[in-house]
PDB file of N, CA and C in Angstrom:
ATOM      1  N   ILE A   1      19.436-193.098 -25.927  1.00  0.00           N
ATOM      2  CA  ILE A   1      19.130-191.485 -25.830  1.00  0.00           C
ATOM      3  C   ILE A   1      18.404-191.311 -24.625  1.00  0.00           C
ATOM      4  N   ALA A   2      18.999-190.171 -23.888  1.00  0.00           N
ATOM      5  CA  ALA A   2      18.320-189.990 -22.655  1.00  0.00           C
ATOM      6  C   ALA A   2      17.226-188.790 -23.023  1.00  0.00           C
ATOM      7  N   LEU A   3      16.024-189.096 -22.402  1.00  0.00           N
ATOM      8  CA  LEU A   3      14.841-188.183 -22.689  1.00  0.00           C
ATOM      9  C   LEU A   3      14.553-187.493 -21.394  1.00  0.00           C
ATOM     10  N   THR A   4      14.327-186.365 -21.383  1.00  0.00           N
ATOM     11  CA  THR A   4      13.891-185.376 -20.257  1.00  0.00           C
ATOM     12  C   THR A   4      12.512-184.969 -20.479  1.00  0.00           C
ATOM     13  N   ARG A   5      11.738-185.061 -19.513  1.00  0.00           N
ATOM     14  CA  ARG A   5      10.298-184.426 -19.505  1.00  0.00           C
ATOM     15  C   ARG A   5      10.323-182.989 -19.129  1.00  0.00           C
ATOM     16  N   LEU A   6       9.470-182.253 -20.094  1.00  0.00           N
ATOM     17  CA  LEU A   6       9.512-180.902 -20.035  1.00  0.00           C
ATOM     18  C   LEU A   6       7.988-180.427 -19.555  1.00  0.00           C
ATOM     19  N   SER A   7       7.930-179.470 -18.607  1.00  0.00           N
ATOM     20  CA  SER A   7       6.595-178.995 -18.557  1.00  0.00           C
ATOM     21  C   SER A   7       6.150-178.032 -19.646  1.00  0.00           C
ATOM     22  N   HIS A   8       4.958-178.432 -20.305  1.00  0.00           N
ATOM     23  CA  HIS A   8       4.703-177.468 -21.370  1.00  0.00           C
ATOM     24  C   HIS A   8       2.984-177.543 -21.543  1.00  0.00           C
ATOM     25  N   SER A   9       2.439-176.448 -20.960  1.00  0.00           N
ATOM     26  CA  SER A   9       1.024-176.358 -20.978  1.00  0.00           C
ATOM     27  C   SER A   9       0.503-177.725 -20.421  1.00  0.00           C
ATOM     28  N   GLN A  10      -0.434-178.395 -21.319  1.00  0.00           N
ATOM     29  CA  GLN A  10      -1.161-179.534 -20.986  1.00  0.00           C
ATOM     30  C   GLN A  10      -0.435-180.868 -21.573  1.00  0.00           C
ATOM     31  N   CYS A  11       0.628-180.643 -22.342  1.00  0.00           N
ATOM     32  CA  CYS A  11       1.172-181.622 -23.094  1.00  0.00           C
ATOM     33  C   CYS A  11       2.353-182.374 -22.225  1.00  0.00           C
ATOM     34  N   GLU A  12       2.367-183.737 -22.371  1.00  0.00           N
ATOM     35  CA  GLU A  12       3.693-184.419 -21.749  1.00  0.00           C
ATOM     36  C   GLU A  12       4.563-184.357 -22.881  1.00  0.00           C
ATOM     37  N   LEU A  13       5.605-183.593 -22.859  1.00  0.00           N
ATOM     38  CA  LEU A  13       6.655-183.371 -23.817  1.00  0.00           C
ATOM     39  C   LEU A  13       8.020-183.902 -23.408  1.00  0.00           C
ATOM     40  N   LEU A  14       8.629-184.702 -24.233  1.00  0.00           N
ATOM     41  CA  LEU A  14       9.981-185.254 -23.998  1.00  0.00           C
ATOM     42  C   LEU A  14      10.878-184.833 -24.965  1.00  0.00           C
ATOM     43  N   ALA A  15      12.285-184.531 -24.454  1.00  0.00           N
ATOM     44  CA  ALA A  15      13.211-183.978 -25.402  1.00  0.00           C
ATOM     45  C   ALA A  15      14.542-184.637 -25.143  1.00  0.00           C
ATOM     46  N   SER A  16      15.185-184.779 -26.031  1.00  0.00           N
ATOM     47  CA  SER A  16      16.684-185.419 -25.903  1.00  0.00           C
ATOM     48  C   SER A  16      17.529-184.209 -25.171  1.00  0.00           C
ATOM     49  N   ASP A  17      18.604-184.716 -24.517  1.00  0.00           N
ATOM     50  CA  ASP A  17      19.611-183.783 -23.917  1.00  0.00           C
ATOM     51  C   ASP A  17      20.170-182.797 -24.890  1.00  0.00           C
ATOM     52  N   GLU A  18      20.416-183.549 -26.197  1.00  0.00           N
ATOM     53  CA  GLU A  18      21.126-182.765 -27.297  1.00  0.00           C
ATOM     54  C   GLU A  18      20.141-181.506 -27.823  1.00  0.00           C
ATOM     55  N   MET A  19      18.856-181.896 -27.862  1.00  0.00           N
ATOM     56  CA  MET A  19      17.881-181.009 -28.290  1.00  0.00           C
ATOM     57  C   MET A  19      17.873-179.845 -27.339  1.00  0.00           C
ATOM     58  N   ARG A  20      17.912-180.156 -26.062  1.00  0.00           N
ATOM     59  CA  ARG A  20      17.536-179.121 -24.883  1.00  0.00           C
ATOM     60  C   ARG A  20      18.957-178.166 -24.888  1.00  0.00           C
ATOM     61  N   ARG A  21      20.001-178.816 -25.129  1.00  0.00           N
ATOM     62  CA  ARG A  21      21.160-177.923 -25.228  1.00  0.00           C
ATOM     63  C   ARG A  21      21.370-176.964 -26.387  1.00  0.00           C
ATOM     64  N   SER A  22      20.678-177.319 -27.467  1.00  0.00           N
ATOM     65  CA  SER A  22      20.715-176.454 -28.757  1.00  0.00           C
ATOM     66  C   SER A  22      19.740-175.363 -28.839  1.00  0.00           C
ATOM     67  N   VAL A  23      18.742-175.311 -28.149  1.00  0.00           N
ATOM     68  CA  VAL A  23      17.808-174.100 -28.166  1.00  0.00           C
ATOM     69  C   VAL A  23      17.324-173.853 -26.788  1.00  0.00           C
ATOM     70  N   SER A  24      16.600-172.781 -26.579  1.00  0.00           N
ATOM     71  CA  SER A  24      16.049-172.358 -25.430  1.00  0.00           C
ATOM     72  C   SER A  24      14.653-173.081 -25.198  1.00  0.00           C
ATOM     73  N   GLU A  25      14.308-173.348 -23.892  1.00  0.00           N
ATOM     74  CA  GLU A  25      13.038-174.026 -23.689  1.00  0.00           C
ATOM     75  C   GLU A  25      11.938-173.329 -24.349  1.00  0.00           C
ATOM     76  N   GLU A  26      11.972-171.917 -24.158  1.00  0.00           N
ATOM     77  CA  GLU A  26      10.831-171.335 -24.668  1.00  0.00           C
ATOM     78  C   GLU A  26      10.750-171.498 -26.345  1.00  0.00           C
ATOM     79  N   SER A  27      11.714-171.335 -26.957  1.00  0.00           N
ATOM     80  CA  SER A  27      11.805-171.675 -28.490  1.00  0.00           C
ATOM     81  C   SER A  27      11.330-172.963 -28.734  1.00  0.00           C
ATOM     82  N   TYR A  28      11.833-174.003 -27.971  1.00  0.00           N
ATOM     83  CA  TYR A  28      11.403-175.353 -28.168  1.00  0.00           C
ATOM     84  C   TYR A  28       9.905-175.503 -28.077  1.00  0.00           C
ATOM     85  N   GLY A  29       9.279-174.978 -26.931  1.00  0.00           N
ATOM     86  CA  GLY A  29       7.958-175.053 -26.732  1.00  0.00           C
ATOM     87  C   GLY A  29       7.129-174.398 -27.848  1.00  0.00           C
ATOM     88  N   LYS A  30       7.491-173.182 -28.167  1.00  0.00           N
ATOM     89  CA  LYS A  30       6.880-172.435 -29.322  1.00  0.00           C
ATOM     90  C   LYS A  30       6.899-173.369 -30.571  1.00  0.00           C
ATOM     91  N   ASN A  31       7.936-173.770 -31.071  1.00  0.00           N
ATOM     92  CA  ASN A  31       8.184-174.474 -32.215  1.00  0.00           C
ATOM     93  C   ASN A  31       7.241-175.802 -32.129  1.00  0.00           C
ATOM     94  N   PHE A  32       7.233-176.461 -31.075  1.00  0.00           N
ATOM     95  CA  PHE A  32       6.393-177.589 -30.735  1.00  0.00           C
ATOM     96  C   PHE A  32       4.931-177.361 -30.918  1.00  0.00           C
ATOM     97  N   ASP A  33       4.367-176.325 -30.392  1.00  0.00           N
ATOM     98  CA  ASP A  33       3.120-175.841 -30.489  1.00  0.00           C
ATOM     99  C   ASP A  33       2.700-175.604 -31.934  1.00  0.00           C
ATOM    100  N   GLU A  34       3.715-174.841 -32.658  1.00  0.00           N
ATOM    101  CA  GLU A  34       3.267-174.661 -33.941  1.00  0.00           C
ATOM    102  C   GLU A  34       3.331-175.796 -34.851  1.00  0.00           C
ATOM    103  N   VAL A  35       4.145-176.832 -34.737  1.00  0.00           N
ATOM    104  CA  VAL A  35       4.103-178.007 -35.619  1.00  0.00           C
ATOM    105  C   VAL A  35       2.852-178.716 -35.044  1.00  0.00           C
ATOM    106  N   ARG A  36       2.650-179.052 -33.760  1.00  0.00           N
ATOM    107  CA  ARG A  36       1.468-179.793 -33.220  1.00  0.00           C
ATOM    108  C   ARG A  36       0.092-179.148 -33.781  1.00  0.00           C
ATOM    109  N   GLN A  37      -0.134-177.767 -33.712  1.00  0.00           N
ATOM    110  CA  GLN A  37      -1.242-177.261 -34.163  1.00  0.00           C
ATOM    111  C   GLN A  37      -1.407-177.265 -35.788  1.00  0.00           C
ATOM    112  N   ARG A  38      -0.443-177.096 -36.534  1.00  0.00           N
ATOM    113  CA  ARG A  38      -0.507-177.341 -37.951  1.00  0.00           C
ATOM    114  C   ARG A  38      -0.994-178.789 -38.353  1.00  0.00           C
ATOM    115  N   LEU A  39      -0.515-179.631 -37.555  1.00  0.00           N
ATOM    116  CA  LEU A  39      -1.018-180.985 -37.758  1.00  0.00           C
ATOM    117  C   LEU A  39      -2.277-181.496 -37.213  1.00  0.00           C
ATOM    118  N   ASN A  40      -2.817-180.318 -36.397  1.00  0.00           N
ATOM    119  CA  ASN A  40      -4.250-180.562 -35.821  1.00  0.00           C
ATOM    120  C   ASN A  40      -4.151-181.770 -34.871  1.00  0.00           C
ATOM    121  N   ILE A  41      -3.131-181.775 -33.953  1.00  0.00           N
ATOM    122  CA  ILE A  41      -2.943-182.673 -32.887  1.00  0.00           C
ATOM    123  C   ILE A  41      -3.259-182.042 -31.422  1.00  0.00           C
ATOM    124  N   ALA A  42      -4.112-182.494 -30.734  1.00  0.00           N
ATOM    125  CA  ALA A  42      -4.411-182.075 -29.434  1.00  0.00           C
ATOM    126  C   ALA A  42      -3.681-182.774 -28.366  1.00  0.00           C
ATOM    127  N   CYS A  43      -3.419-182.025 -27.245  1.00  0.00           N
ATOM    128  CA  CYS A  43      -2.741-182.868 -25.928  1.00  0.00           C
ATOM    129  C   CYS A  43      -3.818-183.402 -25.253  1.00  0.00           C
ATOM    130  N   LYS A  44      -3.735-184.642 -24.929  1.00  0.00           N
ATOM    131  CA  LYS A  44      -4.778-185.364 -24.250  1.00  0.00           C
ATOM    132  C   LYS A  44      -4.174-186.249 -22.964  1.00  0.00           C
ATOM    133  N   PRO A  45      -4.870-186.628 -21.933  1.00  0.00           N
ATOM    134  CA  PRO A  45      -4.179-187.408 -20.842  1.00  0.00           C
ATOM    135  C   PRO A  45      -3.903-188.762 -21.410  1.00  0.00           C
ATOM    136  N   GLY A  46      -2.696-189.278 -21.038  1.00  0.00           N
ATOM    137  CA  GLY A  46      -2.248-190.609 -21.503  1.00  0.00           C
ATOM    138  C   GLY A  46      -1.538-190.578 -22.869  1.00  0.00           C
ATOM    139  N   GLU A  47      -1.282-189.506 -23.297  1.00  0.00           N
ATOM    140  CA  GLU A  47      -0.459-189.510 -24.479  1.00  0.00           C
ATOM    141  C   GLU A  47       0.871-188.520 -24.126  1.00  0.00           C
ATOM    142  N   ARG A  48       1.824-188.694 -24.999  1.00  0.00           N
ATOM    143  CA  ARG A  48       3.084-188.040 -24.849  1.00  0.00           C
ATOM    144  C   ARG A  48       3.673-187.718 -26.160  1.00  0.00           C
ATOM    145  N   PHE A  49       4.541-186.807 -26.230  1.00  0.00           N
ATOM    146  CA  PHE A  49       5.211-186.328 -27.440  1.00  0.00           C
ATOM    147  C   PHE A  49       6.690-186.395 -27.333  1.00  0.00           C
ATOM    148  N   LEU A  50       7.265-186.686 -28.355  1.00  0.00           N
ATOM    149  CA  LEU A  50       8.748-186.618 -28.566  1.00  0.00           C
ATOM    150  C   LEU A  50       8.946-185.696 -29.746  1.00  0.00           C
ATOM    151  N   PHE A  51       9.660-184.516 -29.559  1.00  0.00           N
ATOM    152  CA  PHE A  51       9.846-183.560 -30.541  1.00  0.00           C
ATOM    153  C   PHE A  51      11.300-183.115 -30.806  1.00  0.00           C
ATOM    154  N   PHE A  52      11.864-183.292 -32.130  1.00  0.00           N
ATOM    155  CA  PHE A  52      13.203-182.649 -32.482  1.00  0.00           C
ATOM    156  C   PHE A  52      13.198-182.124 -33.749  1.00  0.00           C
ATOM    157  N   TYR A  53      13.924-181.077 -33.818  1.00  0.00           N
ATOM    158  CA  TYR A  53      14.073-180.179 -35.010  1.00  0.00           C
ATOM    159  C   TYR A  53      15.476-179.831 -35.087  1.00  0.00           C
ATOM    160  N   GLY A  54      16.002-179.608 -36.392  1.00  0.00           N
ATOM    161  CA  GLY A  54      17.258-179.072 -36.746  1.00  0.00           C
ATOM    162  C   GLY A  54      17.345-177.566 -36.480  1.00  0.00           C
ATOM    163  N   ASP A  55      18.635-177.103 -36.400  1.00  0.00           N
ATOM    164  CA  ASP A  55      18.858-175.726 -36.107  1.00  0.00           C
ATOM    165  C   ASP A  55      18.271-174.743 -37.231  1.00  0.00           C
ATOM    166  N   ARG A  56      18.179-175.347 -38.278  1.00  0.00           N
ATOM    167  CA  ARG A  56      17.757-174.477 -39.578  1.00  0.00           C
ATOM    168  C   ARG A  56      16.350-173.846 -39.315  1.00  0.00           C
ATOM    169  N   LEU A  57      15.594-174.575 -38.464  1.00  0.00           N
ATOM    170  CA  LEU A  57      14.130-174.152 -38.105  1.00  0.00           C
ATOM    171  C   LEU A  57      14.160-172.663 -37.413  1.00  0.00           C
ATOM    172  N   GLU A  58      15.264-172.605 -36.484  1.00  0.00           N
ATOM    173  CA  GLU A  58      15.512-171.535 -35.757  1.00  0.00           C
ATOM    174  C   GLU A  58      16.044-170.238 -36.637  1.00  0.00           C
ATOM    175  N   THR A  59      16.841-170.567 -37.510  1.00  0.00           N
ATOM    176  CA  THR A  59      17.580-169.417 -38.236  1.00  0.00           C
ATOM    177  C   THR A  59      17.122-168.920 -39.520  1.00  0.00           C
ATOM    178  N   ASN A  60      16.353-169.887 -40.329  1.00  0.00           N
ATOM    179  CA  ASN A  60      15.758-169.432 -41.699  1.00  0.00           C
ATOM    180  C   ASN A  60      14.455-170.115 -41.986  1.00  0.00           C
ATOM    181  N   GLY A  61      13.824-170.748 -40.978  1.00  0.00           N
ATOM    182  CA  GLY A  61      12.541-171.092 -41.274  1.00  0.00           C
ATOM    183  C   GLY A  61      12.436-172.468 -41.877  1.00  0.00           C
ATOM    184  N   LEU A  62      13.799-173.161 -42.076  1.00  0.00           N
ATOM    185  CA  LEU A  62      13.742-174.428 -42.785  1.00  0.00           C
ATOM    186  C   LEU A  62      14.466-175.390 -41.842  1.00  0.00           C
ATOM    187  N   GLY A  63      13.952-176.708 -41.917  1.00  0.00           N
ATOM    188  CA  GLY A  63      14.772-177.627 -41.160  1.00  0.00           C
ATOM    189  C   GLY A  63      14.105-179.085 -41.139  1.00  0.00           C
ATOM    190  N   ARG A  64      14.803-179.980 -40.611  1.00  0.00           N
ATOM    191  CA  ARG A  64      14.165-181.301 -40.481  1.00  0.00           C
ATOM    192  C   ARG A  64      13.454-181.256 -39.121  1.00  0.00           C
ATOM    193  N   VAL A  65      12.154-181.842 -39.093  1.00  0.00           N
ATOM    194  CA  VAL A  65      11.308-181.886 -38.022  1.00  0.00           C
ATOM    195  C   VAL A  65      10.818-183.388 -37.873  1.00  0.00           C
ATOM    196  N   PHE A  66      10.892-183.821 -36.562  1.00  0.00           N
ATOM    197  CA  PHE A  66      10.393-185.084 -36.236  1.00  0.00           C
ATOM    198  C   PHE A  66       9.515-184.958 -34.952  1.00  0.00           C
ATOM    199  N   LEU A  67       8.237-185.358 -35.163  1.00  0.00           N
ATOM    200  CA  LEU A  67       7.469-185.400 -34.113  1.00  0.00           C
ATOM    201  C   LEU A  67       6.740-186.915 -33.767  1.00  0.00           C
ATOM    202  N   ALA A  68       6.881-187.394 -32.713  1.00  0.00           N
ATOM    203  CA  ALA A  68       6.190-188.672 -32.317  1.00  0.00           C
ATOM    204  C   ALA A  68       5.085-188.406 -31.338  1.00  0.00           C
ATOM    205  N   HIS A  69       3.978-188.742 -31.705  1.00  0.00           N
ATOM    206  CA  HIS A  69       2.729-188.628 -30.723  1.00  0.00           C
ATOM    207  C   HIS A  69       2.374-190.019 -30.309  1.00  0.00           C
ATOM    208  N   CYS A  70       2.566-190.303 -29.078  1.00  0.00           N
ATOM    209  CA  CYS A  70       2.619-191.736 -28.512  1.00  0.00           C
ATOM    210  C   CYS A  70       1.440-191.889 -27.419  1.00  0.00           C
ATOM    211  N   ALA A  71       0.831-193.027 -27.319  1.00  0.00           N
ATOM    212  CA  ALA A  71      -0.070-193.373 -26.470  1.00  0.00           C
ATOM    213  C   ALA A  71       0.623-194.182 -25.364  1.00  0.00           C
ATOM    214  N   MET A  72       0.210-194.112 -24.099  1.00  0.00           N
ATOM    215  CA  MET A  72       0.685-194.888 -23.008  1.00  0.00           C
ATOM    216  C   MET A  72      -0.214-195.873 -22.659  1.00  0.00           C
ATOM    217  N   HIS A  73       0.209-197.328 -22.450  1.00  0.00           N
ATOM    218  CA  HIS A  73      -0.665-198.352 -22.098  1.00  0.00           C
ATOM    219  C   HIS A  73      -0.066-199.122 -20.991  1.00  0.00           C
ATOM    220  N   GLU A  74      -0.763-199.159 -19.750  1.00  0.00           N
ATOM    221  CA  GLU A  74      -0.238-199.975 -18.607  1.00  0.00           C
ATOM    222  C   GLU A  74       1.324-199.430 -18.372  1.00  0.00           C
ATOM    223  N   ASP A  75       2.182-200.265 -18.503  1.00  0.00           N
ATOM    224  CA  ASP A  75       3.618-200.062 -18.049  1.00  0.00           C
ATOM    225  C   ASP A  75       4.466-199.740 -19.096  1.00  0.00           C
ATOM    226  N   ASN A  76       3.860-199.517 -20.328  1.00  0.00           N
ATOM    227  CA  ASN A  76       4.643-199.264 -21.564  1.00  0.00           C
ATOM    228  C   ASN A  76       4.107-197.740 -22.057  1.00  0.00           C
ATOM    229  N   PRO A  77       5.320-196.920 -21.748  1.00  0.00           N
ATOM    230  CA  PRO A  77       5.050-195.410 -22.064  1.00  0.00           C
ATOM    231  C   PRO A  77       4.901-195.153 -23.624  1.00  0.00           C
ATOM    232  N   PHE A  78       5.359-196.037 -24.385  1.00  0.00           N
ATOM    233  CA  PHE A  78       5.448-195.816 -25.894  1.00  0.00           C
ATOM    234  C   PHE A  78       4.690-196.932 -26.522  1.00  0.00           C
ATOM    235  N   SER A  79       3.405-197.355 -26.173  1.00  0.00           N
ATOM    236  CA  SER A  79       2.939-198.551 -26.720  1.00  0.00           C
ATOM    237  C   SER A  79       2.527-198.381 -28.202  1.00  0.00           C
ATOM    238  N   TYR A  80       2.224-197.244 -28.494  1.00  0.00           N
ATOM    239  CA  TYR A  80       1.964-196.923 -29.968  1.00  0.00           C
ATOM    240  C   TYR A  80       2.073-195.406 -30.341  1.00  0.00           C
ATOM    241  N   CYS A  81       2.720-195.414 -31.275  1.00  0.00           N
ATOM    242  CA  CYS A  81       3.187-193.726 -31.726  1.00  0.00           C
ATOM    243  C   CYS A  81       2.771-193.614 -33.190  1.00  0.00           C
ATOM    244  N   ASP A  82       2.204-192.551 -33.521  1.00  0.00           N
ATOM    245  CA  ASP A  82       2.138-191.886 -34.824  1.00  0.00           C
ATOM    246  C   ASP A  82       3.374-190.967 -34.913  1.00  0.00           C
ATOM    247  N   ASN A  83       4.144-191.237 -36.143  1.00  0.00           N
ATOM    248  CA  ASN A  83       5.423-190.368 -36.244  1.00  0.00           C
ATOM    249  C   ASN A  83       5.167-189.505 -37.468  1.00  0.00           C
ATOM    250  N   TYR A  84       5.924-188.455 -37.439  1.00  0.00           N
ATOM    251  CA  TYR A  84       5.690-187.298 -38.478  1.00  0.00           C
ATOM    252  C   TYR A  84       7.037-186.812 -38.709  1.00  0.00           C
ATOM    253  N   PHE A  85       7.699-186.951 -39.955  1.00  0.00           N
ATOM    254  CA  PHE A  85       8.908-186.394 -40.353  1.00  0.00           C
ATOM    255  C   PHE A  85       8.819-185.447 -41.467  1.00  0.00           C
ATOM    256  N   TYR A  86       9.375-184.359 -41.411  1.00  0.00           N
ATOM    257  CA  TYR A  86       9.486-183.430 -42.523  1.00  0.00           C
ATOM    258  C   TYR A  86      10.848-183.122 -42.692  1.00  0.00           C
ATOM    259  N   TYR A  87      11.280-183.160 -43.981  1.00  0.00           N
ATOM    260  CA  TYR A  87      12.756-182.823 -44.353  1.00  0.00           C
ATOM    261  C   TYR A  87      12.926-181.431 -44.388  1.00  0.00           C
ATOM    262  N   SER A  88      11.779-180.491 -44.707  1.00  0.00           N
ATOM    263  CA  SER A  88      12.091-179.116 -44.819  1.00  0.00           C
ATOM    264  C   SER A  88      10.780-178.578 -44.305  1.00  0.00           C
ATOM    265  N   TRP A  89      10.637-178.378 -42.855  1.00  0.00           N
ATOM    266  CA  TRP A  89       9.537-177.775 -42.426  1.00  0.00           C
ATOM    267  C   TRP A  89       9.512-176.053 -42.585  1.00  0.00           C
ATOM    268  N   LYS A  90       8.386-175.502 -43.036  1.00  0.00           N
ATOM    269  CA  LYS A  90       8.223-174.196 -43.217  1.00  0.00           C
ATOM    270  C   LYS A  90       7.090-173.656 -42.323  1.00  0.00           C
ATOM    271  N   PRO A  91       7.557-172.923 -41.361  1.00  0.00           N
ATOM    272  CA  PRO A  91       6.529-172.461 -40.350  1.00  0.00           C
ATOM    273  C   PRO A  91       5.586-171.236 -41.080  1.00  0.00           C
TER     274      PRO A  91
END
C-alpha cells in the first residue's frame, strides 16, 4: 500500500492513495481531527498517524474507522503503534 504524507496542522498524517481519491483533503482532515480528539490523542513530535474510514462516515454518520497512532524510533517509522478500529463510528 502506498502512503502519502499530508500536511495537517501539527500532525504527521499518512493516507493511502485509495483514501485520498475517495474524499476531499478538507473532509479527511476534519474527520481525522474529530476521531483523534474524541480518543483524546494529541499530536506530538516523533509520532505519526495512519487514518482510514469508509464512505458511510461521510454520507450518514456511520462507517468503519481505523486509526494507527505510531511512534518513530531511529530508522523505523512505525516502531510501535496503538491501533483503534471501530465498526460503526458515530460522530
